[in-house]
């Protein structure tokens, strides 16, 4: 006999199982959790990459700032040099170096 044996009675085919609504809901719930985990993992990786780029950019900016600071310190030392200040005093202000007779030694 086939799928229908007696009148009104349905026989189960071997290998086919009827699914309950609870089983389908559980499967959908597990699939939703799995997809949620994948989305969360992807978001974490994107954030990881973005933060890596920010760190790289900040490191480059820091290196640029350190280089600029060294250049400014060098320029400040050059501007404070006694030879430069003496040259400005002589040329701009008309000052001259004191002679030995003009110097007084204080003890």
PDB file of N, CA and C in Angstrom:
ATOM      1  N   UNK A   1       0.807  -1.180   0.000  1.00  0.00           N
ATOM      2  CA  UNK A   1       0.000   0.000   0.000  1.00  0.00           C
ATOM      3  C   UNK A   1       0.856   1.252   0.000  1.00  0.00           C
ATOM      4  N   UNK A   2       0.282   2.380  -0.404  1.00  0.00           N
ATOM      5  CA  UNK A   2       1.004   3.629  -0.496  1.00  0.00           C
ATOM      6  C   UNK A   2       0.936   4.397   0.794  1.00  0.00           C
ATOM      7  N   UNK A   3       0.798   5.679   0.624  1.00  0.00           N
ATOM      8  CA  UNK A   3       0.785   6.562   1.776  1.00  0.00           C
ATOM      9  C   UNK A   3      -0.530   6.461   2.543  1.00  0.00           C
ATOM     10  N   UNK A   4      -1.604   6.176   1.846  1.00  0.00           N
ATOM     11  CA  UNK A   4      -2.893   6.061   2.514  1.00  0.00           C
ATOM     12  C   UNK A   4      -3.272   4.594   2.506  1.00  0.00           C
ATOM     13  N   UNK A   5      -3.437   4.051   3.691  1.00  0.00           N
ATOM     14  CA  UNK A   5      -3.785   2.636   3.799  1.00  0.00           C
ATOM     15  C   UNK A   5      -5.265   2.473   3.903  1.00  0.00           C
ATOM     16  N   UNK A   6      -5.767   2.725   5.000  1.00  0.00           N
ATOM     17  CA  UNK A   6      -7.203   2.626   5.209  1.00  0.00           C
ATOM     18  C   UNK A   6      -7.803   4.002   5.038  1.00  0.00           C
ATOM     19  N   UNK A   7      -9.061   4.010   4.962  1.00  0.00           N
ATOM     20  CA  UNK A   7      -9.759   5.258   4.740  1.00  0.00           C
ATOM     21  C   UNK A   7      -9.559   6.169   5.954  1.00  0.00           C
ATOM     22  N   UNK A   8      -9.056   7.409   5.691  1.00  0.00           N
ATOM     23  CA  UNK A   8      -8.917   8.391   6.751  1.00  0.00           C
ATOM     24  C   UNK A   8      -7.663   8.249   7.594  1.00  0.00           C
ATOM     25  N   UNK A   9      -6.872   7.252   7.404  1.00  0.00           N
ATOM     26  CA  UNK A   9      -5.683   7.072   8.193  1.00  0.00           C
ATOM     27  C   UNK A   9      -4.455   7.332   7.324  1.00  0.00           C
ATOM     28  N   UNK A  10      -3.520   8.174   7.833  1.00  0.00           N
ATOM     29  CA  UNK A  10      -2.310   8.495   7.077  1.00  0.00           C
ATOM     30  C   UNK A  10      -1.151   7.755   7.720  1.00  0.00           C
ATOM     31  N   UNK A  11      -0.424   7.050   6.891  1.00  0.00           N
ATOM     32  CA  UNK A  11       0.746   6.347   7.392  1.00  0.00           C
ATOM     33  C   UNK A  11       1.978   7.233   7.176  1.00  0.00           C
ATOM     34  N   UNK A  12       2.941   7.143   8.093  1.00  0.00           N
ATOM     35  CA  UNK A  12       4.186   7.891   7.951  1.00  0.00           C
ATOM     36  C   UNK A  12       5.099   7.139   7.020  1.00  0.00           C
ATOM     37  N   UNK A  13       5.772   7.902   6.165  1.00  0.00           N
ATOM     38  CA  UNK A  13       6.775   7.291   5.315  1.00  0.00           C
ATOM     39  C   UNK A  13       8.037   7.134   6.138  1.00  0.00           C
ATOM     40  N   UNK A  14       8.769   6.066   5.936  1.00  0.00           N
ATOM     41  CA  UNK A  14      10.000   5.920   6.684  1.00  0.00           C
ATOM     42  C   UNK A  14      11.002   7.012   6.277  1.00  0.00           C
ATOM     43  N   UNK A  15      11.731   7.611   7.249  1.00  0.00           N
ATOM     44  CA  UNK A  15      12.730   8.639   6.976  1.00  0.00           C
ATOM     45  C   UNK A  15      12.177  10.043   7.020  1.00  0.00           C
ATOM     46  N   UNK A  16      10.902  10.237   6.974  1.00  0.00           N
ATOM     47  CA  UNK A  16      10.297  11.569   7.043  1.00  0.00           C
ATOM     48  C   UNK A  16       9.783  11.782   8.449  1.00  0.00           C
ATOM     49  N   UNK A  17      10.200  12.923   9.053  1.00  0.00           N
ATOM     50  CA  UNK A  17       9.722  13.253  10.383  1.00  0.00           C
ATOM     51  C   UNK A  17       8.904  14.532  10.300  1.00  0.00           C
ATOM     52  N   UNK A  18       7.883  14.577  11.048  1.00  0.00           N
ATOM     53  CA  UNK A  18       7.099  15.798  11.122  1.00  0.00           C
ATOM     54  C   UNK A  18       7.808  16.752  12.080  1.00  0.00           C
ATOM     55  N   UNK A  19       7.881  18.011  11.703  1.00  0.00           N
ATOM     56  CA  UNK A  19       8.565  18.998  12.541  1.00  0.00           C
ATOM     57  C   UNK A  19       7.539  19.688  13.420  1.00  0.00           C
ATOM     58  N   UNK A  20       7.948  19.873  14.643  1.00  0.00           N
ATOM     59  CA  UNK A  20       7.053  20.585  15.560  1.00  0.00           C
ATOM     60  C   UNK A  20       7.353  22.072  15.478  1.00  0.00           C
ATOM     61  N   UNK A  21       6.403  22.921  15.785  1.00  0.00           N
ATOM     62  CA  UNK A  21       6.640  24.366  15.753  1.00  0.00           C
ATOM     63  C   UNK A  21       7.738  24.781  16.727  1.00  0.00           C
ATOM     64  N   UNK A  22       7.871  24.094  17.844  1.00  0.00           N
ATOM     65  CA  UNK A  22       8.923  24.404  18.808  1.00  0.00           C
ATOM     66  C   UNK A  22      10.298  24.127  18.226  1.00  0.00           C
ATOM     67  N   UNK A  23      10.438  23.080  17.442  1.00  0.00           N
ATOM     68  CA  UNK A  23      11.726  22.750  16.812  1.00  0.00           C
ATOM     69  C   UNK A  23      12.125  23.777  15.775  1.00  0.00           C
ATOM     70  N   UNK A  24      11.158  24.254  15.018  1.00  0.00           N
ATOM     71  CA  UNK A  24      11.431  25.288  14.007  1.00  0.00           C
ATOM     72  C   UNK A  24      11.833  26.581  14.704  1.00  0.00           C
ATOM     73  N   UNK A  25      11.135  26.926  15.762  1.00  0.00           N
ATOM     74  CA  UNK A  25      11.466  28.149  16.497  1.00  0.00           C
ATOM     75  C   UNK A  25      12.858  28.057  17.109  1.00  0.00           C
ATOM     76  N   UNK A  26      13.195  26.889  17.651  1.00  0.00           N
ATOM     77  CA  UNK A  26      14.530  26.704  18.217  1.00  0.00           C
ATOM     78  C   UNK A  26      15.597  26.820  17.133  1.00  0.00           C
ATOM     79  N   UNK A  27      15.346  26.234  15.968  1.00  0.00           N
ATOM     80  CA  UNK A  27      16.288  26.339  14.854  1.00  0.00           C
ATOM     81  C   UNK A  27      16.478  27.776  14.408  1.00  0.00           C
ATOM     82  N   UNK A  28      15.373  28.526  14.312  1.00  0.00           N
ATOM     83  CA  UNK A  28      15.459  29.937  13.932  1.00  0.00           C
ATOM     84  C   UNK A  28      16.193  30.748  15.003  1.00  0.00           C
ATOM     85  N   UNK A  29      15.940  30.420  16.263  1.00  0.00           N
ATOM     86  CA  UNK A  29      16.629  31.112  17.351  1.00  0.00           C
ATOM     87  C   UNK A  29      18.133  30.855  17.280  1.00  0.00           C
ATOM     88  N   UNK A  30      18.529  29.620  17.074  1.00  0.00           N
ATOM     89  CA  UNK A  30      19.950  29.288  16.969  1.00  0.00           C
ATOM     90  C   UNK A  30      20.589  29.961  15.753  1.00  0.00           C
ATOM     91  N   UNK A  31      19.852  29.994  14.657  1.00  0.00           N
ATOM     92  CA  UNK A  31      20.359  30.644  13.446  1.00  0.00           C
ATOM     93  C   UNK A  31      20.505  32.148  13.689  1.00  0.00           C
ATOM     94  N   UNK A  32      19.554  32.755  14.390  1.00  0.00           N
ATOM     95  CA  UNK A  32      19.629  34.173  14.710  1.00  0.00           C
ATOM     96  C   UNK A  32      20.817  34.475  15.618  1.00  0.00           C
ATOM     97  N   UNK A  33      21.047  33.605  16.598  1.00  0.00           N
ATOM     98  CA  UNK A  33      22.201  33.791  17.484  1.00  0.00           C
ATOM     99  C   UNK A  33      23.494  33.680  16.694  1.00  0.00           C
ATOM    100  N   UNK A  34      23.571  32.704  15.809  1.00  0.00           N
ATOM    101  CA  UNK A  34      24.766  32.520  14.983  1.00  0.00           C
ATOM    102  C   UNK A  34      25.013  33.735  14.098  1.00  0.00           C
ATOM    103  N   UNK A  35      23.970  34.246  13.459  1.00  0.00           N
ATOM    104  CA  UNK A  35      24.111  35.431  12.594  1.00  0.00           C
ATOM    105  C   UNK A  35      24.498  36.643  13.438  1.00  0.00           C
ATOM    106  N   UNK A  36      23.904  36.759  14.631  1.00  0.00           N
ATOM    107  CA  UNK A  36      24.271  37.849  15.528  1.00  0.00           C
ATOM    108  C   UNK A  36      25.733  37.784  15.922  1.00  0.00           C
ATOM    109  N   UNK A  37      26.226  36.585  16.212  1.00  0.00           N
ATOM    110  CA  UNK A  37      27.649  36.422  16.549  1.00  0.00           C
ATOM    111  C   UNK A  37      28.536  36.813  15.378  1.00  0.00           C
ATOM    112  N   UNK A  38      28.138  36.425  14.174  1.00  0.00           N
ATOM    113  CA  UNK A  38      28.929  36.798  12.995  1.00  0.00           C
ATOM    114  C   UNK A  38      28.960  38.313  12.807  1.00  0.00           C
ATOM    115  N   UNK A  39      27.810  38.959  12.987  1.00  0.00           N
ATOM    116  CA  UNK A  39      27.767  40.413  12.858  1.00  0.00           C
ATOM    117  C   UNK A  39      28.612  41.083  13.935  1.00  0.00           C
ATOM    118  N   UNK A  40      28.548  40.584  15.153  1.00  0.00           N
ATOM    119  CA  UNK A  40      29.350  41.141  16.244  1.00  0.00           C
ATOM    120  C   UNK A  40      30.838  40.947  15.971  1.00  0.00           C
ATOM    121  N   UNK A  41      31.220  39.773  15.490  1.00  0.00           N
ATOM    122  CA  UNK A  41      32.629  39.511  15.163  1.00  0.00           C
ATOM    123  C   UNK A  41      33.100  40.471  14.066  1.00  0.00           C
ATOM    124  N   UNK A  42      32.273  40.662  13.049  1.00  0.00           N
ATOM    125  CA  UNK A  42      32.632  41.561  11.953  1.00  0.00           C
ATOM    126  C   UNK A  42      32.778  42.988  12.458  1.00  0.00           C
ATOM    127  N   UNK A  43      31.850  43.426  13.317  1.00  0.00           N
ATOM    128  CA  UNK A  43      31.927  44.769  13.879  1.00  0.00           C
ATOM    129  C   UNK A  43      33.216  44.933  14.689  1.00  0.00           C
ATOM    130  N   UNK A  44      33.562  43.912  15.481  1.00  0.00           N
ATOM    131  CA  UNK A  44      34.798  43.970  16.278  1.00  0.00           C
ATOM    132  C   UNK A  44      36.022  44.098  15.375  1.00  0.00           C
ATOM    133  N   UNK A  45      36.067  43.349  14.300  1.00  0.00           N
ATOM    134  CA  UNK A  45      37.214  43.411  13.385  1.00  0.00           C
ATOM    135  C   UNK A  45      37.294  44.780  12.713  1.00  0.00           C
ATOM    136  N   UNK A  46      36.162  45.341  12.334  1.00  0.00           N
ATOM    137  CA  UNK A  46      36.156  46.676  11.717  1.00  0.00           C
ATOM    138  C   UNK A  46      36.669  47.702  12.722  1.00  0.00           C
ATOM    139  N   UNK A  47      36.219  47.615  13.960  1.00  0.00           N
ATOM    140  CA  UNK A  47      36.689  48.542  14.996  1.00  0.00           C
ATOM    141  C   UNK A  47      38.185  48.365  15.240  1.00  0.00           C
ATOM    142  N   UNK A  48      38.637  47.129  15.266  1.00  0.00           N
ATOM    143  CA  UNK A  48      40.061  46.827  15.463  1.00  0.00           C
ATOM    144  C   UNK A  48      40.892  47.487  14.362  1.00  0.00           C
ATOM    145  N   UNK A  49      40.441  47.363  13.129  1.00  0.00           N
ATOM    146  CA  UNK A  49      41.159  47.950  11.998  1.00  0.00           C
ATOM    147  C   UNK A  49      41.133  49.472  12.078  1.00  0.00           C
ATOM    148  N   UNK A  50      39.966  50.044  12.407  1.00  0.00           N
ATOM    149  CA  UNK A  50      39.837  51.496  12.511  1.00  0.00           C
ATOM    150  C   UNK A  50      40.748  52.053  13.599  1.00  0.00           C
ATOM    151  N   UNK A  51      40.781  51.399  14.742  1.00  0.00           N
ATOM    152  CA  UNK A  51      41.635  51.849  15.839  1.00  0.00           C
ATOM    153  C   UNK A  51      43.105  51.711  15.449  1.00  0.00           C
ATOM    154  N   UNK A  52      43.430  50.657  14.707  1.00  0.00           N
ATOM    155  CA  UNK A  52      44.801  50.500  14.226  1.00  0.00           C
ATOM    156  C   UNK A  52      45.224  51.663  13.341  1.00  0.00           C
ATOM    157  N   UNK A  53      44.316  52.085  12.455  1.00  0.00           N
ATOM    158  CA  UNK A  53      44.613  53.237  11.601  1.00  0.00           C
ATOM    159  C   UNK A  53      44.760  54.507  12.436  1.00  0.00           C
ATOM    160  N   UNK A  54      43.913  54.682  13.449  1.00  0.00           N
ATOM    161  CA  UNK A  54      44.011  55.860  14.305  1.00  0.00           C
ATOM    162  C   UNK A  54      45.335  55.878  15.069  1.00  0.00           C
ATOM    163  N   UNK A  55      45.760  54.723  15.557  1.00  0.00           N
ATOM    164  CA  UNK A  55      47.030  54.629  16.278  1.00  0.00           C
ATOM    165  C   UNK A  55      48.189  54.967  15.340  1.00  0.00           C
ATOM    166  N   UNK A  56      48.126  54.432  14.134  1.00  0.00           N
ATOM    167  CA  UNK A  56      49.176  54.708  13.153  1.00  0.00           C
ATOM    168  C   UNK A  56      49.235  56.197  12.827  1.00  0.00           C
ATOM    169  N   UNK A  57      48.079  56.791  12.646  1.00  0.00           N
ATOM    170  CA  UNK A  57      48.018  58.222  12.344  1.00  0.00           C
ATOM    171  C   UNK A  57      48.539  59.048  13.518  1.00  0.00           C
ATOM    172  N   UNK A  58      48.159  58.671  14.735  1.00  0.00           N
ATOM    173  CA  UNK A  58      48.625  59.403  15.919  1.00  0.00           C
ATOM    174  C   UNK A  58      50.136  59.247  16.096  1.00  0.00           C
ATOM    175  N   UNK A  59      50.667  58.085  15.787  1.00  0.00           N
ATOM    176  CA  UNK A  59      52.116  57.878  15.892  1.00  0.00           C
ATOM    177  C   UNK A  59      52.861  58.752  14.887  1.00  0.00           C
ATOM    178  N   UNK A  60      52.335  58.835  13.675  1.00  0.00           N
ATOM    179  CA  UNK A  60      52.963  59.691  12.659  1.00  0.00           C
ATOM    180  C   UNK A  60      52.896  61.152  13.085  1.00  0.00           C
ATOM    181  N   UNK A  61      51.764  61.568  13.643  1.00  0.00           N
ATOM    182  CA  UNK A  61      51.626  62.951  14.108  1.00  0.00           C
ATOM    183  C   UNK A  61      52.581  63.230  15.259  1.00  0.00           C
ATOM    184  N   UNK A  62      52.732  62.274  16.161  1.00  0.00           N
ATOM    185  CA  UNK A  62      53.658  62.443  17.285  1.00  0.00           C
ATOM    186  C   UNK A  62      55.094  62.580  16.779  1.00  0.00           C
ATOM    187  N   UNK A  63      55.471  61.752  15.819  1.00  0.00           N
ATOM    188  CA  UNK A  63      56.821  61.838  15.257  1.00  0.00           C
ATOM    189  C   UNK A  63      57.041  63.198  14.606  1.00  0.00           C
ATOM    190  N   UNK A  64      56.015  63.708  13.928  1.00  0.00           N
ATOM    191  CA  UNK A  64      56.116  65.028  13.298  1.00  0.00           C
ATOM    192  C   UNK A  64      56.274  66.116  14.362  1.00  0.00           C
ATOM    193  N   UNK A  65      55.528  66.003  15.436  1.00  0.00           N
ATOM    194  CA  UNK A  65      55.597  66.984  16.515  1.00  0.00           C
ATOM    195  C   UNK A  65      56.965  66.956  17.218  1.00  0.00           C
ATOM    196  N   UNK A  66      57.507  65.759  17.432  1.00  0.00           N
ATOM    197  CA  UNK A  66      58.829  65.637  18.063  1.00  0.00           C
ATOM    198  C   UNK A  66      59.893  66.269  17.171  1.00  0.00           C
ATOM    199  N   UNK A  67      59.785  66.031  15.863  1.00  0.00           N
ATOM    200  CA  UNK A  67      60.749  66.624  14.928  1.00  0.00           C
ATOM    201  C   UNK A  67      60.655  68.146  14.954  1.00  0.00           C
ATOM    202  N   UNK A  68      59.430  68.667  14.965  1.00  0.00           N
ATOM    203  CA  UNK A  68      59.226  70.107  15.021  1.00  0.00           C
ATOM    204  C   UNK A  68      59.777  70.687  16.321  1.00  0.00           C
ATOM    205  N   UNK A  69      59.564  69.981  17.436  1.00  0.00           N
ATOM    206  CA  UNK A  69      60.082  70.454  18.720  1.00  0.00           C
ATOM    207  C   UNK A  69      61.608  70.531  18.698  1.00  0.00           C
ATOM    208  N   UNK A  70      62.260  69.536  18.136  1.00  0.00           N
ATOM    209  CA  UNK A  70      63.725  69.557  18.046  1.00  0.00           C
ATOM    210  C   UNK A  70      64.202  70.720  17.182  1.00  0.00           C
ATOM    211  N   UNK A  71      63.509  70.960  16.081  1.00  0.00           N
ATOM    212  CA  UNK A  71      63.882  72.079  15.205  1.00  0.00           C
ATOM    213  C   UNK A  71      63.713  73.410  15.931  1.00  0.00           C
ATOM    214  N   UNK A  72      62.636  73.548  16.691  1.00  0.00           N
ATOM    215  CA  UNK A  72      62.407  74.796  17.428  1.00  0.00           C
ATOM    216  C   UNK A  72      63.429  74.986  18.542  1.00  0.00           C
ATOM    217  N   UNK A  73      63.805  73.905  19.214  1.00  0.00           N
ATOM    218  CA  UNK A  73      64.835  74.012  20.246  1.00  0.00           C
ATOM    219  C   UNK A  73      66.165  74.436  19.638  1.00  0.00           C
ATOM    220  N   UNK A  74      66.476  73.892  18.467  1.00  0.00           N
ATOM    221  CA  UNK A  74      67.704  74.275  17.784  1.00  0.00           C
ATOM    222  C   UNK A  74      67.662  75.747  17.370  1.00  0.00           C
ATOM    223  N   UNK A  75      66.519  76.193  16.874  1.00  0.00           N
ATOM    224  CA  UNK A  75      66.384  77.592  16.484  1.00  0.00           C
ATOM    225  C   UNK A  75      66.479  78.512  17.703  1.00  0.00           C
ATOM    226  N   UNK A  76      65.894  78.105  18.828  1.00  0.00           N
ATOM    227  CA  UNK A  76      65.981  78.902  20.051  1.00  0.00           C
ATOM    228  C   UNK A  76      67.427  79.018  20.518  1.00  0.00           C
ATOM    229  N   UNK A  77      68.157  77.922  20.460  1.00  0.00           N
ATOM    230  CA  UNK A  77      69.573  77.961  20.859  1.00  0.00           C
ATOM    231  C   UNK A  77      70.352  78.884  19.935  1.00  0.00           C
ATOM    232  N   UNK A  78      70.051  78.863  18.649  1.00  0.00           N
ATOM    233  CA  UNK A  78      70.735  79.747  17.703  1.00  0.00           C
ATOM    234  C   UNK A  78      70.395  81.207  17.985  1.00  0.00           C
ATOM    235  N   UNK A  79      69.123  81.475  18.290  1.00  0.00           N
ATOM    236  CA  UNK A  79      68.716  82.856  18.560  1.00  0.00           C
ATOM    237  C   UNK A  79      69.313  83.392  19.866  1.00  0.00           C
ATOM    238  N   UNK A  80      69.570  82.518  20.817  1.00  0.00           N
ATOM    239  CA  UNK A  80      70.130  82.941  22.100  1.00  0.00           C
ATOM    240  C   UNK A  80      71.652  82.992  22.102  1.00  0.00           C
ATOM    241  N   UNK A  81      72.289  82.621  21.023  1.00  0.00           N
ATOM    242  CA  UNK A  81      73.753  82.545  21.019  1.00  0.00           C
ATOM    243  C   UNK A  81      74.370  83.929  21.277  1.00  0.00           C
ATOM    244  N   UNK A  82      75.416  83.981  22.095  1.00  0.00           N
ATOM    245  CA  UNK A  82      76.056  85.262  22.425  1.00  0.00           C
ATOM    246  C   UNK A  82      76.601  85.985  21.197  1.00  0.00           C
ATOM    247  N   UNK A  83      77.122  85.251  20.221  1.00  0.00           N
ATOM    248  CA  UNK A  83      77.665  85.893  19.020  1.00  0.00           C
ATOM    249  C   UNK A  83      76.570  86.637  18.262  1.00  0.00           C
ATOM    250  N   UNK A  84      75.419  86.031  18.133  1.00  0.00           N
ATOM    251  CA  UNK A  84      74.311  86.654  17.426  1.00  0.00           C
ATOM    252  C   UNK A  84      73.845  87.896  18.178  1.00  0.00           C
ATOM    253  N   UNK A  85      73.695  87.762  19.501  1.00  0.00           N
ATOM    254  CA  UNK A  85      73.237  88.910  20.293  1.00  0.00           C
ATOM    255  C   UNK A  85      74.242  90.058  20.238  1.00  0.00           C
ATOM    256  N   UNK A  86      75.548  89.743  20.253  1.00  0.00           N
ATOM    257  CA  UNK A  86      76.576  90.783  20.152  1.00  0.00           C
ATOM    258  C   UNK A  86      76.502  91.469  18.790  1.00  0.00           C
ATOM    259  N   UNK A  87      76.276  90.688  17.741  1.00  0.00           N
ATOM    260  CA  UNK A  87      76.163  91.271  16.402  1.00  0.00           C
ATOM    261  C   UNK A  87      74.964  92.204  16.292  1.00  0.00           C
ATOM    262  N   UNK A  88      73.833  91.810  16.879  1.00  0.00           N
ATOM    263  CA  UNK A  88      72.643  92.673  16.854  1.00  0.00           C
ATOM    264  C   UNK A  88      72.895  93.936  17.669  1.00  0.00           C
ATOM    265  N   UNK A  89      73.544  93.802  18.827  1.00  0.00           N
ATOM    266  CA  UNK A  89      73.826  94.969  19.674  1.00  0.00           C
ATOM    267  C   UNK A  89      74.724  95.960  18.952  1.00  0.00           C
ATOM    268  N   UNK A  90      75.708  95.458  18.230  1.00  0.00           N
ATOM    269  CA  UNK A  90      76.630  96.354  17.520  1.00  0.00           C
ATOM    270  C   UNK A  90      75.971  96.993  16.306  1.00  0.00           C
ATOM    271  N   UNK A  91      75.254  96.213  15.529  1.00  0.00           N
ATOM    272  CA  UNK A  91      74.706  96.752  14.280  1.00  0.00           C
ATOM    273  C   UNK A  91      73.430  97.559  14.499  1.00  0.00           C
ATOM    274  N   UNK A  92      72.498  97.066  15.275  1.00  0.00           N
ATOM    275  CA  UNK A  92      71.216  97.751  15.425  1.00  0.00           C
ATOM    276  C   UNK A  92      71.248  98.854  16.464  1.00  0.00           C
ATOM    277  N   UNK A  93      71.926  98.612  17.561  1.00  0.00           N
ATOM    278  CA  UNK A  93      71.867  99.556  18.679  1.00  0.00           C
ATOM    279  C   UNK A  93      73.101 100.435  18.802  1.00  0.00           C
ATOM    280  N   UNK A  94      74.106 100.172  18.007  1.00  0.00           N
ATOM    281  CA  UNK A  94      75.315 100.984  18.042  1.00  0.00           C
ATOM    282  C   UNK A  94      76.176 100.733  19.270  1.00  0.00           C
ATOM    283  N   UNK A  95      75.978  99.632  19.938  1.00  0.00           N
ATOM    284  CA  UNK A  95      76.791  99.312  21.114  1.00  0.00           C
ATOM    285  C   UNK A  95      78.114  98.722  20.672  1.00  0.00           C
ATOM    286  N   UNK A  96      79.157  98.909  21.508  1.00  0.00           N
ATOM    287  CA  UNK A  96      80.478  98.358  21.202  1.00  0.00           C
ATOM    288  C   UNK A  96      80.967  97.606  22.413  1.00  0.00           C
ATOM    289  N   UNK A  97      81.910  96.727  22.181  1.00  0.00           N
ATOM    290  CA  UNK A  97      82.490  95.970  23.288  1.00  0.00           C
ATOM    291  C   UNK A  97      83.291  96.928  24.182  1.00  0.00           C
ATOM    292  N   UNK A  98      83.211  96.717  25.478  1.00  0.00           N
ATOM    293  CA  UNK A  98      83.955  97.621  26.374  1.00  0.00           C
ATOM    294  C   UNK A  98      85.457  97.347  26.271  1.00  0.00           C
ATOM    295  N   UNK A  99      86.208  98.392  26.436  1.00  0.00           N
ATOM    296  CA  UNK A  99      87.667  98.241  26.459  1.00  0.00           C
ATOM    297  C   UNK A  99      88.067  97.781  27.857  1.00  0.00           C
ATOM    298  N   UNK A 100      89.312  97.409  28.004  1.00  0.00           N
ATOM    299  CA  UNK A 100      89.783  96.922  29.300  1.00  0.00           C
ATOM    300  C   UNK A 100      89.752  98.035  30.352  1.00  0.00           C
ATOM    301  N   UNK A 101      89.887  99.287  29.922  1.00  0.00           N
ATOM    302  CA  UNK A 101      89.837 100.402  30.877  1.00  0.00           C
ATOM    303  C   UNK A 101      88.410 100.649  31.372  1.00  0.00           C
ATOM    304  N   UNK A 102      87.407 100.257  30.580  1.00  0.00           N
ATOM    305  CA  UNK A 102      86.001 100.485  30.948  1.00  0.00           C
ATOM    306  C   UNK A 102      85.457  99.371  31.849  1.00  0.00           C
ATOM    307  N   UNK A 103      86.161  98.281  31.965  1.00  0.00           N
ATOM    308  CA  UNK A 103      85.680  97.152  32.765  1.00  0.00           C
ATOM    309  C   UNK A 103      86.113  97.305  34.206  1.00  0.00           C
ATOM    310  N   UNK A 104      85.216  96.958  35.124  1.00  0.00           N
ATOM    311  CA  UNK A 104      85.511  96.969  36.552  1.00  0.00           C
ATOM    312  C   UNK A 104      85.289  95.562  37.051  1.00  0.00           C
ATOM    313  N   UNK A 105      86.295  95.014  37.715  1.00  0.00           N
ATOM    314  CA  UNK A 105      86.187  93.670  38.257  1.00  0.00           C
ATOM    315  C   UNK A 105      85.630  93.756  39.666  1.00  0.00           C
ATOM    316  N   UNK A 106      84.553  93.060  39.920  1.00  0.00           N
ATOM    317  CA  UNK A 106      83.905  93.077  41.222  1.00  0.00           C
ATOM    318  C   UNK A 106      84.267  91.787  41.929  1.00  0.00           C
ATOM    319  N   UNK A 107      84.791  91.926  43.159  1.00  0.00           N
ATOM    320  CA  UNK A 107      85.173  90.752  43.926  1.00  0.00           C
ATOM    321  C   UNK A 107      84.278  90.544  45.097  1.00  0.00           C
TER     322      UNK A 107
END
